[in-house]
Amino acid sequence: MAFRRRNKSYPFFSQEFLIQNHADIVFSLVIFILIGLMFETTAKTAILFIQPQYNISTMSADGEVTLYLYGWKDCATVVFYLCITIILHAVVQEYVLDKVNRRLHLSKSKNTKFNESGQLCVFYLVSSLWSLYVIATEGYLLHPSSLWENYPHVHLRFQVKFFYLTQLAYWFHALPELYFQKVRKEEIPRQLQYISLYLLHILAAYLLGLRVGLPKHAVNPVSFIGFHVNLHCPLGNNILCVCVSQNVTLKNDRHWFCLWLHVVWCSVMCLSSLTRAVVCPAVGHHENGLIKAENGTSPRLKKIKAP
């Protein structure tokens, strides 16, 4: 399963070989763990990487319910899904972003920023939709007060725990990606800053059992997507409407309703601006920072000399 075009071969175990083939190496490791499920002697070890641990069964009004705690074995699960995230990162880069880059003819610096924004937008979109699905299926949508009632929440449901573990896996995978993507040294401190803040935020929500972290992951990505889209396709004052969603607090049902109104409004404004940008694109294309017409000539009007 090859993700990148091999323009040049490098010696085994060299730095360039590792960077060029890191997705294939990680994919082989994932297959090795999955094969371990097929044998009785290794199945118990392999399951530690794939399935969340520390489950307990309790009785409720709806019958027997399986809940989860947290512990050190969760590190193995995070490592496994970190590998899955690296593979998905390579798939998005190879089959989506690289194709778009070849069409846009971006410079090297803009290409790097576009790849970063593209990867984050895909993650934010999936994260927002996934958290909305968890909120709906776990009953928090119809009963939002259950997000904070009877706190602290020592036990987590399967979907909630798995969601937090995959969030941790994504932001931990961002650390080796700084090496694999050859990020410039001056960009590393900025990226390390927001990666560390995300890890701290998600770890606190997971270890403290904060269910309120779910709607936060459903709403915040809307503003972040708007921010990254605005970097490459300015949306004017619409970005202001997107940022309002970050300041909504969940104190009662009225604020919960206002929260969803903000989400719908921000989504409509972003989609309308993006539609205008797609329907009415600029004439020609950019090449080395200059606009060129479709036939390769300059878009400037030529002066006609008088006879």
Protein backbone atom coordinates (compact mmCIF):
# COMPACT_ATOMS: atom_id res chain seq x y z
CA MET A 1 0.00 0.00 0.00
CA ALA A 2 2.01 2.98 -1.27
CA PHE A 3 0.93 6.51 -0.37
CA ARG A 4 3.62 8.68 -1.97
CA ARG A 5 5.09 8.70 -5.44
CA ARG A 6 8.66 7.38 -5.31
CA ASN A 7 10.69 9.79 -7.43
CA LYS A 8 13.94 8.66 -5.85
CA SER A 9 15.03 5.68 -3.77
CA TYR A 10 16.99 6.17 -0.56
CA PRO A 11 19.13 3.77 1.52
CA PHE A 12 17.28 1.69 4.07
CA PHE A 13 16.93 3.20 7.56
CA SER A 14 18.13 6.59 6.34
CA GLN A 15 16.31 9.74 7.39
CA GLU A 16 14.84 10.37 3.94
CA PHE A 17 13.75 6.74 3.63
CA LEU A 18 11.89 6.97 6.96
CA ILE A 19 10.18 10.22 6.00
CA GLN A 20 9.17 8.99 2.55
CA ASN A 21 7.87 5.60 3.73
CA HIS A 22 6.61 6.38 7.24
CA ALA A 23 2.96 5.73 6.33
CA ASP A 24 3.78 2.31 4.86
CA ILE A 25 5.87 1.40 7.93
CA VAL A 26 3.07 2.39 10.29
CA PHE A 27 0.54 0.53 8.14
CA SER A 28 2.63 -2.64 8.48
CA LEU A 29 2.67 -2.19 12.26
CA VAL A 30 -1.13 -1.89 12.34
CA ILE A 31 -1.51 -5.06 10.25
CA PHE A 32 0.89 -6.86 12.61
CA ILE A 33 -1.32 -5.94 15.62
CA LEU A 34 -4.49 -6.99 13.80
CA ILE A 35 -2.95 -10.35 12.90
CA GLY A 36 -2.32 -10.84 16.63
CA LEU A 37 -6.10 -11.09 17.12
CA MET A 38 -6.14 -14.31 15.11
CA PHE A 39 -4.09 -16.31 17.63
CA GLU A 40 -5.17 -17.18 21.14
CA THR A 41 -1.76 -16.56 22.70
CA THR A 42 -1.48 -12.99 21.36
CA ALA A 43 -5.16 -12.00 21.27
CA LYS A 44 -5.20 -10.69 24.84
CA THR A 45 -2.24 -8.43 24.13
CA ALA A 46 -3.56 -7.23 20.77
CA ILE A 47 -6.96 -6.35 22.24
CA LEU A 48 -5.25 -3.87 24.59
CA PHE A 49 -4.36 -1.74 21.57
CA ILE A 50 -7.71 -1.93 19.80
CA GLN A 51 -10.45 -1.90 22.43
CA PRO A 52 -10.85 0.57 25.34
CA GLN A 53 -10.09 -1.03 28.69
CA TYR A 54 -11.37 -0.78 32.30
CA ASN A 55 -14.99 -1.64 31.55
CA ILE A 56 -17.48 -2.47 34.31
CA SER A 57 -21.10 -3.62 34.12
CA THR A 58 -23.81 -1.94 36.20
CA MET A 59 -27.56 -2.29 36.43
CA SER A 60 -29.84 0.60 35.49
CA ALA A 61 -33.49 1.15 34.69
CA ASP A 62 -32.80 0.16 31.07
CA GLY A 63 -31.00 -3.02 32.09
CA GLU A 64 -27.32 -3.90 32.20
CA VAL A 65 -25.07 -1.04 31.08
CA THR A 66 -21.33 -1.17 30.38
CA LEU A 67 -19.36 1.83 31.63
CA TYR A 68 -15.67 2.64 31.50
CA LEU A 69 -12.97 4.07 33.75
CA TYR A 70 -9.56 5.37 32.74
CA GLY A 71 -6.10 3.95 33.45
CA TRP A 72 -2.59 3.40 32.14
CA LYS A 73 -3.71 0.75 29.65
CA ASP A 74 -5.41 3.52 27.69
CA CYS A 75 -1.94 4.55 26.52
CA ALA A 76 -1.77 1.41 24.35
CA THR A 77 -5.12 2.27 22.77
CA VAL A 78 -3.96 5.82 22.08
CA VAL A 79 -0.77 4.53 20.43
CA PHE A 80 -2.74 2.21 18.13
CA TYR A 81 -5.14 4.92 16.99
CA LEU A 82 -2.22 7.31 16.68
CA CYS A 83 -0.89 4.91 14.02
CA ILE A 84 -4.32 4.86 12.36
CA THR A 85 -4.32 8.66 12.32
CA ILE A 86 -0.90 8.78 10.66
CA ILE A 87 -2.23 6.52 7.90
CA LEU A 88 -5.35 8.64 7.42
CA HIS A 89 -3.18 11.76 7.39
CA ALA A 90 -1.15 10.32 4.52
CA VAL A 91 -4.31 9.31 2.63
CA VAL A 92 -5.81 12.82 2.88
CA GLN A 93 -2.48 14.36 1.86
CA GLU A 94 -1.91 12.09 -1.12
CA TYR A 95 -5.41 11.78 -2.57
CA VAL A 96 -6.93 15.18 -1.69
CA LEU A 97 -4.51 17.96 -0.78
CA ASP A 98 -1.70 17.11 -3.21
CA LYS A 99 -4.16 17.03 -6.12
CA VAL A 100 -5.57 20.40 -5.11
CA ASN A 101 -2.05 21.82 -4.76
CA ARG A 102 -1.14 20.79 -8.29
CA ARG A 103 -4.16 22.64 -9.62
CA LEU A 104 -3.61 25.82 -7.60
CA HIS A 105 0.14 26.17 -8.39
CA LEU A 106 0.90 27.53 -4.93
CA SER A 107 4.34 28.64 -3.81
CA LYS A 108 6.26 26.48 -1.32
CA SER A 109 5.36 28.60 1.72
CA LYS A 110 1.68 28.84 0.75
CA ASN A 111 1.67 25.14 -0.06
CA THR A 112 2.83 24.31 3.49
CA LYS A 113 0.16 26.51 5.08
CA PHE A 114 -2.50 25.08 2.78
CA ASN A 115 -1.59 21.53 3.77
CA GLU A 116 -1.73 22.42 7.46
CA SER A 117 -5.11 24.13 7.10
CA GLY A 118 -6.47 21.33 4.94
CA GLN A 119 -5.54 18.61 7.43
CA LEU A 120 -6.99 20.58 10.34
CA CYS A 121 -10.24 21.35 8.48
CA VAL A 122 -10.78 17.66 7.74
CA PHE A 123 -10.14 16.81 11.39
CA TYR A 124 -12.38 19.61 12.69
CA LEU A 125 -15.22 18.57 10.39
CA VAL A 126 -15.03 14.90 11.39
CA SER A 127 -14.65 15.82 15.07
CA SER A 128 -17.69 18.12 14.99
CA LEU A 129 -19.94 15.59 13.24
CA TRP A 130 -18.75 12.76 15.47
CA SER A 131 -19.36 14.69 18.69
CA LEU A 132 -22.83 15.66 17.44
CA TYR A 133 -23.52 11.97 16.80
CA VAL A 134 -22.38 11.03 20.32
CA ILE A 135 -24.51 13.80 21.85
CA ALA A 136 -27.58 12.63 19.93
CA THR A 137 -27.18 8.89 20.56
CA GLU A 138 -26.34 9.26 24.26
CA GLY A 139 -29.46 11.38 24.89
CA TYR A 140 -27.66 14.62 25.73
CA LEU A 141 -29.42 16.44 22.90
CA LEU A 142 -32.89 16.03 24.39
CA HIS A 143 -31.69 16.36 27.99
CA PRO A 144 -28.78 18.83 27.93
CA SER A 145 -28.85 19.28 31.70
CA SER A 146 -27.47 15.73 32.06
CA LEU A 147 -24.15 17.08 30.77
CA TRP A 148 -23.41 18.72 34.12
CA GLU A 149 -25.86 17.18 36.59
CA ASN A 150 -24.54 14.72 39.22
CA TYR A 151 -20.95 15.80 38.61
CA PRO A 152 -18.31 14.36 39.00
CA HIS A 153 -18.92 11.71 36.35
CA VAL A 154 -16.52 8.93 37.31
CA HIS A 155 -17.76 6.49 34.68
CA LEU A 156 -17.83 7.10 30.94
CA ARG A 157 -19.91 5.44 28.26
CA PHE A 158 -18.11 3.62 25.46
CA GLN A 159 -18.74 6.28 22.80
CA VAL A 160 -17.60 9.12 25.08
CA LYS A 161 -14.39 7.35 26.11
CA PHE A 162 -13.57 6.26 22.56
CA PHE A 163 -14.15 9.80 21.30
CA TYR A 164 -11.72 11.27 23.82
CA LEU A 165 -9.10 8.60 23.13
CA THR A 166 -9.18 9.29 19.39
CA GLN A 167 -8.93 13.02 20.06
CA LEU A 168 -5.80 12.39 22.11
CA ALA A 169 -4.44 10.12 19.38
CA TYR A 170 -4.87 12.82 16.76
CA TRP A 171 -3.03 15.53 18.68
CA PHE A 172 -0.25 13.16 19.75
CA HIS A 173 0.18 12.16 16.10
CA ALA A 174 0.71 15.84 15.25
CA LEU A 175 4.07 15.71 17.07
CA PRO A 176 5.84 13.16 14.80
CA GLU A 177 4.14 14.76 11.79
CA LEU A 178 6.26 17.85 12.42
CA TYR A 179 9.23 15.65 11.51
CA PHE A 180 7.57 13.70 8.71
CA GLN A 181 6.27 16.84 6.99
CA LYS A 182 9.62 18.66 7.33
CA VAL A 183 8.08 21.66 9.05
CA ARG A 184 10.36 24.68 9.08
CA LYS A 185 12.14 25.45 12.36
CA GLU A 186 10.48 28.85 12.71
CA GLU A 187 7.03 27.23 12.42
CA ILE A 188 7.64 24.53 15.03
CA PRO A 189 7.18 26.71 18.19
CA ARG A 190 3.82 28.00 16.94
CA GLN A 191 2.53 24.52 16.15
CA LEU A 192 3.87 23.05 19.40
CA GLN A 193 2.01 25.75 21.30
CA TYR A 194 -1.46 24.96 19.99
CA ILE A 195 -0.81 21.18 19.99
CA SER A 196 0.12 21.37 23.70
CA LEU A 197 -2.95 23.47 24.49
CA TYR A 198 -5.23 20.97 22.75
CA LEU A 199 -3.64 18.01 24.55
CA LEU A 200 -3.97 19.76 27.91
CA HIS A 201 -7.61 20.63 27.23
CA ILE A 202 -8.61 17.13 26.10
CA LEU A 203 -6.68 15.37 28.87
CA ALA A 204 -8.41 17.54 31.48
CA ALA A 205 -11.85 16.81 29.99
CA TYR A 206 -11.10 13.06 29.84
CA LEU A 207 -9.55 12.62 33.28
CA LEU A 208 -12.12 14.84 35.01
CA GLY A 209 -15.05 13.24 33.20
CA LEU A 210 -16.34 16.50 31.74
CA ARG A 211 -19.29 15.72 29.49
CA VAL A 212 -19.50 19.40 28.59
CA GLY A 213 -16.42 18.79 26.45
CA LEU A 214 -18.64 17.05 23.87
CA PRO A 215 -20.72 20.10 22.81
CA LYS A 216 -17.56 22.17 22.95
CA HIS A 217 -15.99 19.85 20.37
CA ALA A 218 -19.17 20.16 18.31
CA VAL A 219 -19.19 23.98 18.25
CA ASN A 220 -15.56 25.12 18.36
CA PRO A 221 -14.56 23.37 15.10
CA VAL A 222 -17.07 25.56 13.24
CA SER A 223 -15.14 28.68 14.16
CA PHE A 224 -11.76 27.00 13.53
CA ILE A 225 -12.85 25.86 10.06
CA GLY A 226 -14.00 29.40 9.35
CA PHE A 227 -10.63 30.73 10.47
CA HIS A 228 -8.62 28.39 8.22
CA VAL A 229 -10.94 28.96 5.25
CA ASN A 230 -10.54 32.69 5.81
CA LEU A 231 -6.75 32.34 5.51
CA HIS A 232 -7.02 31.09 1.93
CA CYS A 233 -10.45 32.42 0.89
CA PRO A 234 -11.33 35.65 2.76
CA LEU A 235 -14.89 35.68 4.07
CA GLY A 236 -15.03 39.35 5.10
CA ASN A 237 -17.11 40.06 8.16
CA ASN A 238 -18.65 36.59 8.14
CA ILE A 239 -15.75 35.30 10.25
CA LEU A 240 -17.08 37.50 13.05
CA CYS A 241 -20.30 35.50 13.13
CA VAL A 242 -18.32 32.25 13.31
CA CYS A 243 -16.25 33.37 16.29
CA VAL A 244 -19.38 34.18 18.32
CA SER A 245 -19.99 30.45 18.78
CA GLN A 246 -16.90 30.17 21.00
CA ASN A 247 -18.36 32.47 23.65
CA VAL A 248 -21.67 30.65 24.20
CA THR A 249 -21.92 28.96 27.61
CA LEU A 250 -24.18 26.10 28.57
CA LYS A 251 -26.01 27.36 31.64
CA ASN A 252 -29.59 26.45 30.83
CA ASP A 253 -31.84 25.22 28.04
CA ARG A 254 -32.22 28.68 26.52
CA HIS A 255 -28.48 29.01 26.05
CA TRP A 256 -28.42 25.49 24.61
CA PHE A 257 -30.96 26.56 22.00
CA CYS A 258 -28.95 29.71 21.24
CA LEU A 259 -25.87 27.52 20.81
CA TRP A 260 -27.44 25.56 17.97
CA LEU A 261 -28.75 28.76 16.37
CA HIS A 262 -25.17 30.05 16.25
CA VAL A 263 -23.96 26.81 14.69
CA VAL A 264 -26.62 26.92 11.96
CA TRP A 265 -26.05 30.62 11.28
CA CYS A 266 -22.25 30.26 11.06
CA SER A 267 -22.54 27.25 8.77
CA VAL A 268 -24.89 29.09 6.40
CA MET A 269 -22.63 32.14 6.26
CA CYS A 270 -19.51 30.06 5.56
CA LEU A 271 -21.25 28.00 2.86
CA SER A 272 -22.64 31.09 1.15
CA SER A 273 -19.21 32.73 1.04
CA LEU A 274 -17.55 29.56 -0.22
CA THR A 275 -20.25 29.17 -2.91
CA ARG A 276 -19.56 32.68 -4.19
CA ALA A 277 -15.83 31.92 -4.28
CA VAL A 278 -16.37 28.69 -6.25
CA VAL A 279 -19.01 30.01 -8.65
CA CYS A 280 -17.09 33.23 -9.41
CA PRO A 281 -13.40 32.24 -9.43
CA ALA A 282 -10.68 34.62 -10.47
CA VAL A 283 -9.73 34.61 -14.14
CA GLY A 284 -6.52 32.73 -14.83
CA HIS A 285 -4.27 31.07 -12.30
CA HIS A 286 -1.41 31.96 -9.99
CA GLU A 287 2.12 30.97 -10.89
CA ASN A 288 5.12 32.14 -8.86
CA GLY A 289 3.00 34.83 -7.26
CA LEU A 290 1.77 36.24 -10.62
CA ILE A 291 -1.65 35.93 -12.24
CA LYS A 292 -1.58 34.36 -15.69
CA ALA A 293 -4.43 33.87 -18.10
CA GLU A 294 -5.58 30.45 -19.26
CA ASN A 295 -3.60 30.70 -22.53
CA GLY A 296 -0.40 31.58 -20.65
CA THR A 297 -0.41 35.25 -21.66
CA SER A 298 -0.42 38.20 -19.31
CA PRO A 299 -3.90 39.47 -18.28
CA ARG A 300 -2.74 43.08 -18.76
CA LEU A 301 -4.28 44.92 -21.67
CA LYS A 302 -1.87 45.77 -24.44
CA LYS A 303 -1.67 49.37 -25.62
CA ILE A 304 -2.70 49.83 -29.24
CA LYS A 305 -0.45 52.22 -31.08
CA ALA A 306 -2.13 54.86 -33.15
CA PRO A 307 -1.47 54.56 -36.88
